[in-house]
């Protein structure tokens, strides 16, 4: 039989202390090679097996095929039968094919957190995210929504004077003729028509260049 392509149940045993690990695979030899590779790199997901490997060394472990299983759908059932019979000390999950109820150790969680650090979105991804947000704006909040937000932030309602001031500021931010006129009076810098045209042309050119970069 070619263990590379044959399904079955296997045992990894520590010949020093007699403890073992039970597993199943559709490619037995490939699975054993993966175990050895991860153990040698100190990256095996099973902390019990990894700690024992670090203590006793590679020569202390043997790989044995306990049973060949022709029907792949029977693998989990047969694995559980062997686990119930041998009570493998290195198996963290006591139910075959399930890790429910198994809590990650602090060291494992730390490794996962460190693996995520430094993973930043590429420039292309950032551009795509920016383009996806173009033209998408939230509808203006109602007076009730603004009041609710104020209550959450301060725990108390605004006074009539404060609400009136907030309403005036909100109106100033709207692009109405009255708002533009008031902003022009309040600002010492008046944007000329020529400047506005240049600004619009520049924004349009940037959008087109960004779109071409993403589509390329």
C-alpha atoms as a PDB file:
ATOM      1  CA  UNK A   1       0.000   0.000   0.000  1.00  0.00           C
ATOM      2  CA  UNK A   2       1.103   3.536  -0.736  1.00  0.00           C
ATOM      3  CA  UNK A   3       0.791   5.447   2.512  1.00  0.00           C
ATOM      4  CA  UNK A   4       0.857   8.717   0.545  1.00  0.00           C
ATOM      5  CA  UNK A   5      -2.624   8.143  -0.840  1.00  0.00           C
ATOM      6  CA  UNK A   6      -4.180   5.633   1.575  1.00  0.00           C
ATOM      7  CA  UNK A   7      -6.629   6.754   4.253  1.00  0.00           C
ATOM      8  CA  UNK A   8      -6.356   5.489   7.775  1.00  0.00           C
ATOM      9  CA  UNK A   9      -5.815   5.997  11.479  1.00  0.00           C
ATOM     10  CA  UNK A  10      -2.309   6.622  12.801  1.00  0.00           C
ATOM     11  CA  UNK A  11      -0.477   6.876  16.106  1.00  0.00           C
ATOM     12  CA  UNK A  12       2.475   9.091  17.019  1.00  0.00           C
ATOM     13  CA  UNK A  13       4.108   7.568  20.093  1.00  0.00           C
ATOM     14  CA  UNK A  14       6.788   8.818  22.439  1.00  0.00           C
ATOM     15  CA  UNK A  15       8.932   5.735  23.097  1.00  0.00           C
ATOM     16  CA  UNK A  16      10.425   7.337  26.225  1.00  0.00           C
ATOM     17  CA  UNK A  17       7.238   7.774  28.240  1.00  0.00           C
ATOM     18  CA  UNK A  18       4.744   5.711  26.235  1.00  0.00           C
ATOM     19  CA  UNK A  19       2.404   8.632  25.600  1.00  0.00           C
ATOM     20  CA  UNK A  20       0.787   8.948  22.177  1.00  0.00           C
ATOM     21  CA  UNK A  21      -1.268  10.999  19.765  1.00  0.00           C
ATOM     22  CA  UNK A  22      -4.073   9.550  17.607  1.00  0.00           C
ATOM     23  CA  UNK A  23      -5.071  11.054  14.286  1.00  0.00           C
ATOM     24  CA  UNK A  24      -6.634  10.287  10.930  1.00  0.00           C
ATOM     25  CA  UNK A  25      -5.764  11.288   7.375  1.00  0.00           C
ATOM     26  CA  UNK A  26      -6.564  10.588   3.741  1.00  0.00           C
ATOM     27  CA  UNK A  27      -2.812  10.777   3.002  1.00  0.00           C
ATOM     28  CA  UNK A  28      -0.983   9.078   5.837  1.00  0.00           C
ATOM     29  CA  UNK A  29       2.656   9.620   4.909  1.00  0.00           C
ATOM     30  CA  UNK A  30       2.020  13.236   3.880  1.00  0.00           C
ATOM     31  CA  UNK A  31       0.394  13.851   7.260  1.00  0.00           C
ATOM     32  CA  UNK A  32       3.368  12.364   9.129  1.00  0.00           C
ATOM     33  CA  UNK A  33       5.757  14.536   7.129  1.00  0.00           C
ATOM     34  CA  UNK A  34       3.696  17.605   7.989  1.00  0.00           C
ATOM     35  CA  UNK A  35       3.778  16.701  11.697  1.00  0.00           C
ATOM     36  CA  UNK A  36       7.564  16.332  11.587  1.00  0.00           C
ATOM     37  CA  UNK A  37       8.001  19.575   9.675  1.00  0.00           C
ATOM     38  CA  UNK A  38       5.881  21.629  12.099  1.00  0.00           C
ATOM     39  CA  UNK A  39       7.461  19.994  15.163  1.00  0.00           C
ATOM     40  CA  UNK A  40      10.992  20.651  13.920  1.00  0.00           C
ATOM     41  CA  UNK A  41      10.103  24.326  13.375  1.00  0.00           C
ATOM     42  CA  UNK A  42       8.489  24.563  16.830  1.00  0.00           C
ATOM     43  CA  UNK A  43       5.243  25.636  15.150  1.00  0.00           C
ATOM     44  CA  UNK A  44       2.994  22.648  15.798  1.00  0.00           C
ATOM     45  CA  UNK A  45      -0.551  23.600  16.787  1.00  0.00           C
ATOM     46  CA  UNK A  46      -0.659  20.869  19.454  1.00  0.00           C
ATOM     47  CA  UNK A  47       1.202  22.342  22.425  1.00  0.00           C
ATOM     48  CA  UNK A  48       1.380  19.019  24.293  1.00  0.00           C
ATOM     49  CA  UNK A  49       3.015  17.213  21.411  1.00  0.00           C
ATOM     50  CA  UNK A  50       5.296  20.163  20.678  1.00  0.00           C
ATOM     51  CA  UNK A  51       6.511  20.445  24.290  1.00  0.00           C
ATOM     52  CA  UNK A  52       7.224  16.727  24.465  1.00  0.00           C
ATOM     53  CA  UNK A  53       9.076  16.850  21.144  1.00  0.00           C
ATOM     54  CA  UNK A  54      11.200  19.720  22.428  1.00  0.00           C
ATOM     55  CA  UNK A  55      12.053  17.777  25.581  1.00  0.00           C
ATOM     56  CA  UNK A  56      12.775  14.315  24.147  1.00  0.00           C
ATOM     57  CA  UNK A  57      13.821  15.054  20.549  1.00  0.00           C
ATOM     58  CA  UNK A  58      12.813  13.666  17.174  1.00  0.00           C
ATOM     59  CA  UNK A  59      14.326  10.195  17.719  1.00  0.00           C
ATOM     60  CA  UNK A  60      11.930   9.511  20.582  1.00  0.00           C
ATOM     61  CA  UNK A  61       8.841   9.548  18.317  1.00  0.00           C
ATOM     62  CA  UNK A  62       7.528   6.812  16.049  1.00  0.00           C
ATOM     63  CA  UNK A  63       4.709   6.796  13.513  1.00  0.00           C
ATOM     64  CA  UNK A  64       2.452   3.750  13.204  1.00  0.00           C
ATOM     65  CA  UNK A  65      -0.577   3.071  11.014  1.00  0.00           C
ATOM     66  CA  UNK A  66      -3.201   1.539  13.282  1.00  0.00           C
ATOM     67  CA  UNK A  67      -5.837   0.862  10.645  1.00  0.00           C
ATOM     68  CA  UNK A  68      -6.362   1.445   6.938  1.00  0.00           C
ATOM     69  CA  UNK A  69      -9.813   2.850   6.165  1.00  0.00           C
ATOM     70  CA  UNK A  70     -11.145   2.508   2.626  1.00  0.00           C
ATOM     71  CA  UNK A  71     -14.225   4.674   3.109  1.00  0.00           C
ATOM     72  CA  UNK A  72     -13.124   8.219   3.907  1.00  0.00           C
ATOM     73  CA  UNK A  73     -16.487   8.923   5.519  1.00  0.00           C
ATOM     74  CA  UNK A  74     -15.609   6.342   8.207  1.00  0.00           C
ATOM     75  CA  UNK A  75     -12.370   8.044   9.243  1.00  0.00           C
ATOM     76  CA  UNK A  76     -13.761  10.161  12.082  1.00  0.00           C
ATOM     77  CA  UNK A  77     -15.743   7.242  13.522  1.00  0.00           C
ATOM     78  CA  UNK A  78     -12.746   4.904  13.468  1.00  0.00           C
ATOM     79  CA  UNK A  79     -10.488   7.588  14.911  1.00  0.00           C
ATOM     80  CA  UNK A  80     -12.873   7.973  17.843  1.00  0.00           C
ATOM     81  CA  UNK A  81     -12.892   4.208  18.395  1.00  0.00           C
ATOM     82  CA  UNK A  82      -9.094   4.180  18.677  1.00  0.00           C
ATOM     83  CA  UNK A  83      -9.084   7.264  20.903  1.00  0.00           C
ATOM     84  CA  UNK A  84     -11.544   5.590  23.277  1.00  0.00           C
ATOM     85  CA  UNK A  85      -9.401   2.474  23.349  1.00  0.00           C
ATOM     86  CA  UNK A  86      -5.929   4.023  23.783  1.00  0.00           C
ATOM     87  CA  UNK A  87      -6.814   7.272  25.603  1.00  0.00           C
ATOM     88  CA  UNK A  88      -4.022   9.271  23.905  1.00  0.00           C
ATOM     89  CA  UNK A  89      -2.399  11.755  26.268  1.00  0.00           C
ATOM     90  CA  UNK A  90      -1.274  14.167  23.554  1.00  0.00           C
ATOM     91  CA  UNK A  91      -4.726  14.681  22.024  1.00  0.00           C
ATOM     92  CA  UNK A  92      -6.124  17.988  23.263  1.00  0.00           C
ATOM     93  CA  UNK A  93      -9.505  17.391  21.608  1.00  0.00           C
ATOM     94  CA  UNK A  94     -11.171  14.371  23.162  1.00  0.00           C
ATOM     95  CA  UNK A  95     -13.738  14.129  20.361  1.00  0.00           C
ATOM     96  CA  UNK A  96     -12.416  13.142  16.935  1.00  0.00           C
ATOM     97  CA  UNK A  97     -12.687  15.881  14.342  1.00  0.00           C
ATOM     98  CA  UNK A  98     -13.770  18.534  16.863  1.00  0.00           C
ATOM     99  CA  UNK A  99     -12.014  21.193  18.908  1.00  0.00           C
ATOM    100  CA  UNK A 100     -15.145  22.439  20.658  1.00  0.00           C
ATOM    101  CA  UNK A 101     -14.525  23.534  24.220  1.00  0.00           C
ATOM    102  CA  UNK A 102     -10.741  23.649  23.811  1.00  0.00           C
ATOM    103  CA  UNK A 103      -9.354  26.970  24.972  1.00  0.00           C
ATOM    104  CA  UNK A 104      -6.280  28.464  23.357  1.00  0.00           C
ATOM    105  CA  UNK A 105      -3.315  28.898  25.648  1.00  0.00           C
ATOM    106  CA  UNK A 106      -1.787  32.311  26.289  1.00  0.00           C
ATOM    107  CA  UNK A 107       1.232  31.426  24.171  1.00  0.00           C
ATOM    108  CA  UNK A 108      -0.945  30.374  21.221  1.00  0.00           C
ATOM    109  CA  UNK A 109      -3.054  33.533  21.427  1.00  0.00           C
ATOM    110  CA  UNK A 110       0.093  35.635  21.586  1.00  0.00           C
ATOM    111  CA  UNK A 111       1.490  33.946  18.465  1.00  0.00           C
ATOM    112  CA  UNK A 112      -1.754  34.613  16.602  1.00  0.00           C
ATOM    113  CA  UNK A 113      -1.764  38.259  17.669  1.00  0.00           C
ATOM    114  CA  UNK A 114       1.859  38.752  16.663  1.00  0.00           C
ATOM    115  CA  UNK A 115       1.145  37.153  13.292  1.00  0.00           C
ATOM    116  CA  UNK A 116      -1.464  39.834  12.593  1.00  0.00           C
ATOM    117  CA  UNK A 117       0.773  42.755  13.585  1.00  0.00           C
ATOM    118  CA  UNK A 118       2.252  44.614  10.632  1.00  0.00           C
ATOM    119  CA  UNK A 119      -0.296  43.416   8.108  1.00  0.00           C
ATOM    120  CA  UNK A 120      -1.328  46.681   6.475  1.00  0.00           C
ATOM    121  CA  UNK A 121      -3.465  47.264   3.407  1.00  0.00           C
ATOM    122  CA  UNK A 122      -1.492  47.878   0.228  1.00  0.00           C
ATOM    123  CA  UNK A 123      -1.689  51.213  -1.569  1.00  0.00           C
ATOM    124  CA  UNK A 124      -3.836  49.627  -4.256  1.00  0.00           C
ATOM    125  CA  UNK A 125      -6.220  48.285  -1.622  1.00  0.00           C
ATOM    126  CA  UNK A 126      -6.430  51.703   0.035  1.00  0.00           C
ATOM    127  CA  UNK A 127      -7.240  53.306  -3.324  1.00  0.00           C
ATOM    128  CA  UNK A 128      -9.968  50.764  -3.985  1.00  0.00           C
ATOM    129  CA  UNK A 129     -11.428  51.412  -0.547  1.00  0.00           C
ATOM    130  CA  UNK A 130     -11.393  55.156  -1.188  1.00  0.00           C
ATOM    131  CA  UNK A 131     -13.076  54.746  -4.571  1.00  0.00           C
ATOM    132  CA  UNK A 132     -15.702  52.503  -3.038  1.00  0.00           C
ATOM    133  CA  UNK A 133     -16.550  55.301  -0.627  1.00  0.00           C
ATOM    134  CA  UNK A 134     -16.774  57.985  -3.342  1.00  0.00           C
ATOM    135  CA  UNK A 135     -20.258  59.348  -3.667  1.00  0.00           C
ATOM    136  CA  UNK A 136     -21.445  57.497  -0.575  1.00  0.00           C
ATOM    137  CA  UNK A 137     -22.635  59.908   2.057  1.00  0.00           C
ATOM    138  CA  UNK A 138     -24.763  59.510   5.132  1.00  0.00           C
ATOM    139  CA  UNK A 139     -28.134  61.278   5.165  1.00  0.00           C
ATOM    140  CA  UNK A 140     -28.259  64.331   7.439  1.00  0.00           C
ATOM    141  CA  UNK A 141     -29.289  63.553  10.987  1.00  0.00           C
ATOM    142  CA  UNK A 142     -32.631  64.720  12.234  1.00  0.00           C
ATOM    143  CA  UNK A 143     -33.026  66.986  15.261  1.00  0.00           C
ATOM    144  CA  UNK A 144     -34.119  63.952  17.286  1.00  0.00           C
ATOM    145  CA  UNK A 145     -31.025  61.987  16.261  1.00  0.00           C
ATOM    146  CA  UNK A 146     -28.739  64.886  17.140  1.00  0.00           C
ATOM    147  CA  UNK A 147     -30.428  65.229  20.514  1.00  0.00           C
ATOM    148  CA  UNK A 148     -30.055  61.496  21.138  1.00  0.00           C
ATOM    149  CA  UNK A 149     -26.353  61.654  20.267  1.00  0.00           C
ATOM    150  CA  UNK A 150     -25.919  64.587  22.623  1.00  0.00           C
ATOM    151  CA  UNK A 151     -27.585  62.657  25.439  1.00  0.00           C
ATOM    152  CA  UNK A 152     -25.243  59.700  24.910  1.00  0.00           C
ATOM    153  CA  UNK A 153     -22.195  61.961  24.923  1.00  0.00           C
ATOM    154  CA  UNK A 154     -23.053  64.196  27.876  1.00  0.00           C
ATOM    155  CA  UNK A 155     -25.847  62.450  29.687  1.00  0.00           C
ATOM    156  CA  UNK A 156     -27.984  65.584  29.662  1.00  0.00           C
ATOM    157  CA  UNK A 157     -29.981  67.528  27.015  1.00  0.00           C
ATOM    158  CA  UNK A 158     -28.686  70.742  25.456  1.00  0.00           C
ATOM    159  CA  UNK A 159     -30.174  74.051  26.419  1.00  0.00           C
ATOM    160  CA  UNK A 160     -32.345  76.029  24.004  1.00  0.00           C
ATOM    161  CA  UNK A 161     -29.473  78.425  23.375  1.00  0.00           C
ATOM    162  CA  UNK A 162     -27.060  75.590  22.592  1.00  0.00           C
ATOM    163  CA  UNK A 163     -29.539  73.905  20.267  1.00  0.00           C
ATOM    164  CA  UNK A 164     -30.087  77.170  18.426  1.00  0.00           C
ATOM    165  CA  UNK A 165     -26.341  77.597  17.981  1.00  0.00           C
ATOM    166  CA  UNK A 166     -25.946  74.013  16.782  1.00  0.00           C
ATOM    167  CA  UNK A 167     -28.766  74.514  14.295  1.00  0.00           C
ATOM    168  CA  UNK A 168     -27.097  77.668  12.962  1.00  0.00           C
ATOM    169  CA  UNK A 169     -23.786  75.872  12.539  1.00  0.00           C
ATOM    170  CA  UNK A 170     -25.526  73.008  10.758  1.00  0.00           C
ATOM    171  CA  UNK A 171     -27.165  75.417   8.343  1.00  0.00           C
ATOM    172  CA  UNK A 172     -23.846  77.089   7.642  1.00  0.00           C
ATOM    173  CA  UNK A 173     -22.460  73.731   6.560  1.00  0.00           C
ATOM    174  CA  UNK A 174     -25.227  73.245   4.014  1.00  0.00           C
ATOM    175  CA  UNK A 175     -24.593  74.346   0.438  1.00  0.00           C
ATOM    176  CA  UNK A 176     -27.459  76.827   0.221  1.00  0.00           C
ATOM    177  CA  UNK A 177     -27.075  80.315  -1.301  1.00  0.00           C
ATOM    178  CA  UNK A 178     -27.673  81.861   2.122  1.00  0.00           C
ATOM    179  CA  UNK A 179     -25.029  79.645   3.717  1.00  0.00           C
ATOM    180  CA  UNK A 180     -22.485  80.424   1.017  1.00  0.00           C
ATOM    181  CA  UNK A 181     -23.170  84.135   1.366  1.00  0.00           C
ATOM    182  CA  UNK A 182     -22.720  84.031   5.152  1.00  0.00           C
ATOM    183  CA  UNK A 183     -19.521  82.019   4.854  1.00  0.00           C
ATOM    184  CA  UNK A 184     -18.204  84.530   2.316  1.00  0.00           C
ATOM    185  CA  UNK A 185     -18.899  87.386   4.730  1.00  0.00           C
ATOM    186  CA  UNK A 186     -17.183  85.560   7.614  1.00  0.00           C
ATOM    187  CA  UNK A 187     -14.130  84.478   5.610  1.00  0.00           C
ATOM    188  CA  UNK A 188     -11.441  87.000   4.591  1.00  0.00           C
ATOM    189  CA  UNK A 189     -10.417  84.703   1.721  1.00  0.00           C
ATOM    190  CA  UNK A 190     -12.859  84.678  -1.185  1.00  0.00           C
ATOM    191  CA  UNK A 191     -12.398  81.941  -3.773  1.00  0.00           C
ATOM    192  CA  UNK A 192     -12.679  83.318  -7.288  1.00  0.00           C
ATOM    193  CA  UNK A 193     -14.532  81.588 -10.119  1.00  0.00           C
ATOM    194  CA  UNK A 194     -11.248  80.792 -11.830  1.00  0.00           C
ATOM    195  CA  UNK A 195      -9.902  79.143  -8.687  1.00  0.00           C
ATOM    196  CA  UNK A 196     -13.049  77.060  -8.314  1.00  0.00           C
ATOM    197  CA  UNK A 197     -12.716  75.813 -11.909  1.00  0.00           C
ATOM    198  CA  UNK A 198      -9.104  74.794 -11.276  1.00  0.00           C
ATOM    199  CA  UNK A 199     -10.068  72.976  -8.075  1.00  0.00           C
ATOM    200  CA  UNK A 200     -12.880  71.067  -9.808  1.00  0.00           C
ATOM    201  CA  UNK A 201     -10.600  70.114 -12.713  1.00  0.00           C
ATOM    202  CA  UNK A 202      -7.906  68.929 -10.318  1.00  0.00           C
ATOM    203  CA  UNK A 203     -10.334  66.732  -8.356  1.00  0.00           C
ATOM    204  CA  UNK A 204     -11.711  65.244 -11.566  1.00  0.00           C
ATOM    205  CA  UNK A 205      -8.207  64.450 -12.835  1.00  0.00           C
ATOM    206  CA  UNK A 206      -7.312  62.762  -9.542  1.00  0.00           C
ATOM    207  CA  UNK A 207     -10.461  60.607  -9.658  1.00  0.00           C
ATOM    208  CA  UNK A 208      -9.747  59.530 -13.242  1.00  0.00           C
ATOM    209  CA  UNK A 209      -6.109  58.720 -12.466  1.00  0.00           C
ATOM    210  CA  UNK A 210      -7.106  56.739  -9.404  1.00  0.00           C
ATOM    211  CA  UNK A 211      -9.737  54.789 -11.332  1.00  0.00           C
ATOM    212  CA  UNK A 212      -7.274  53.946 -14.114  1.00  0.00           C
ATOM    213  CA  UNK A 213      -4.713  52.758 -11.564  1.00  0.00           C
ATOM    214  CA  UNK A 214      -7.198  50.397  -9.924  1.00  0.00           C
ATOM    215  CA  UNK A 215      -8.516  49.016 -13.212  1.00  0.00           C
ATOM    216  CA  UNK A 216      -5.024  48.428 -14.628  1.00  0.00           C
END
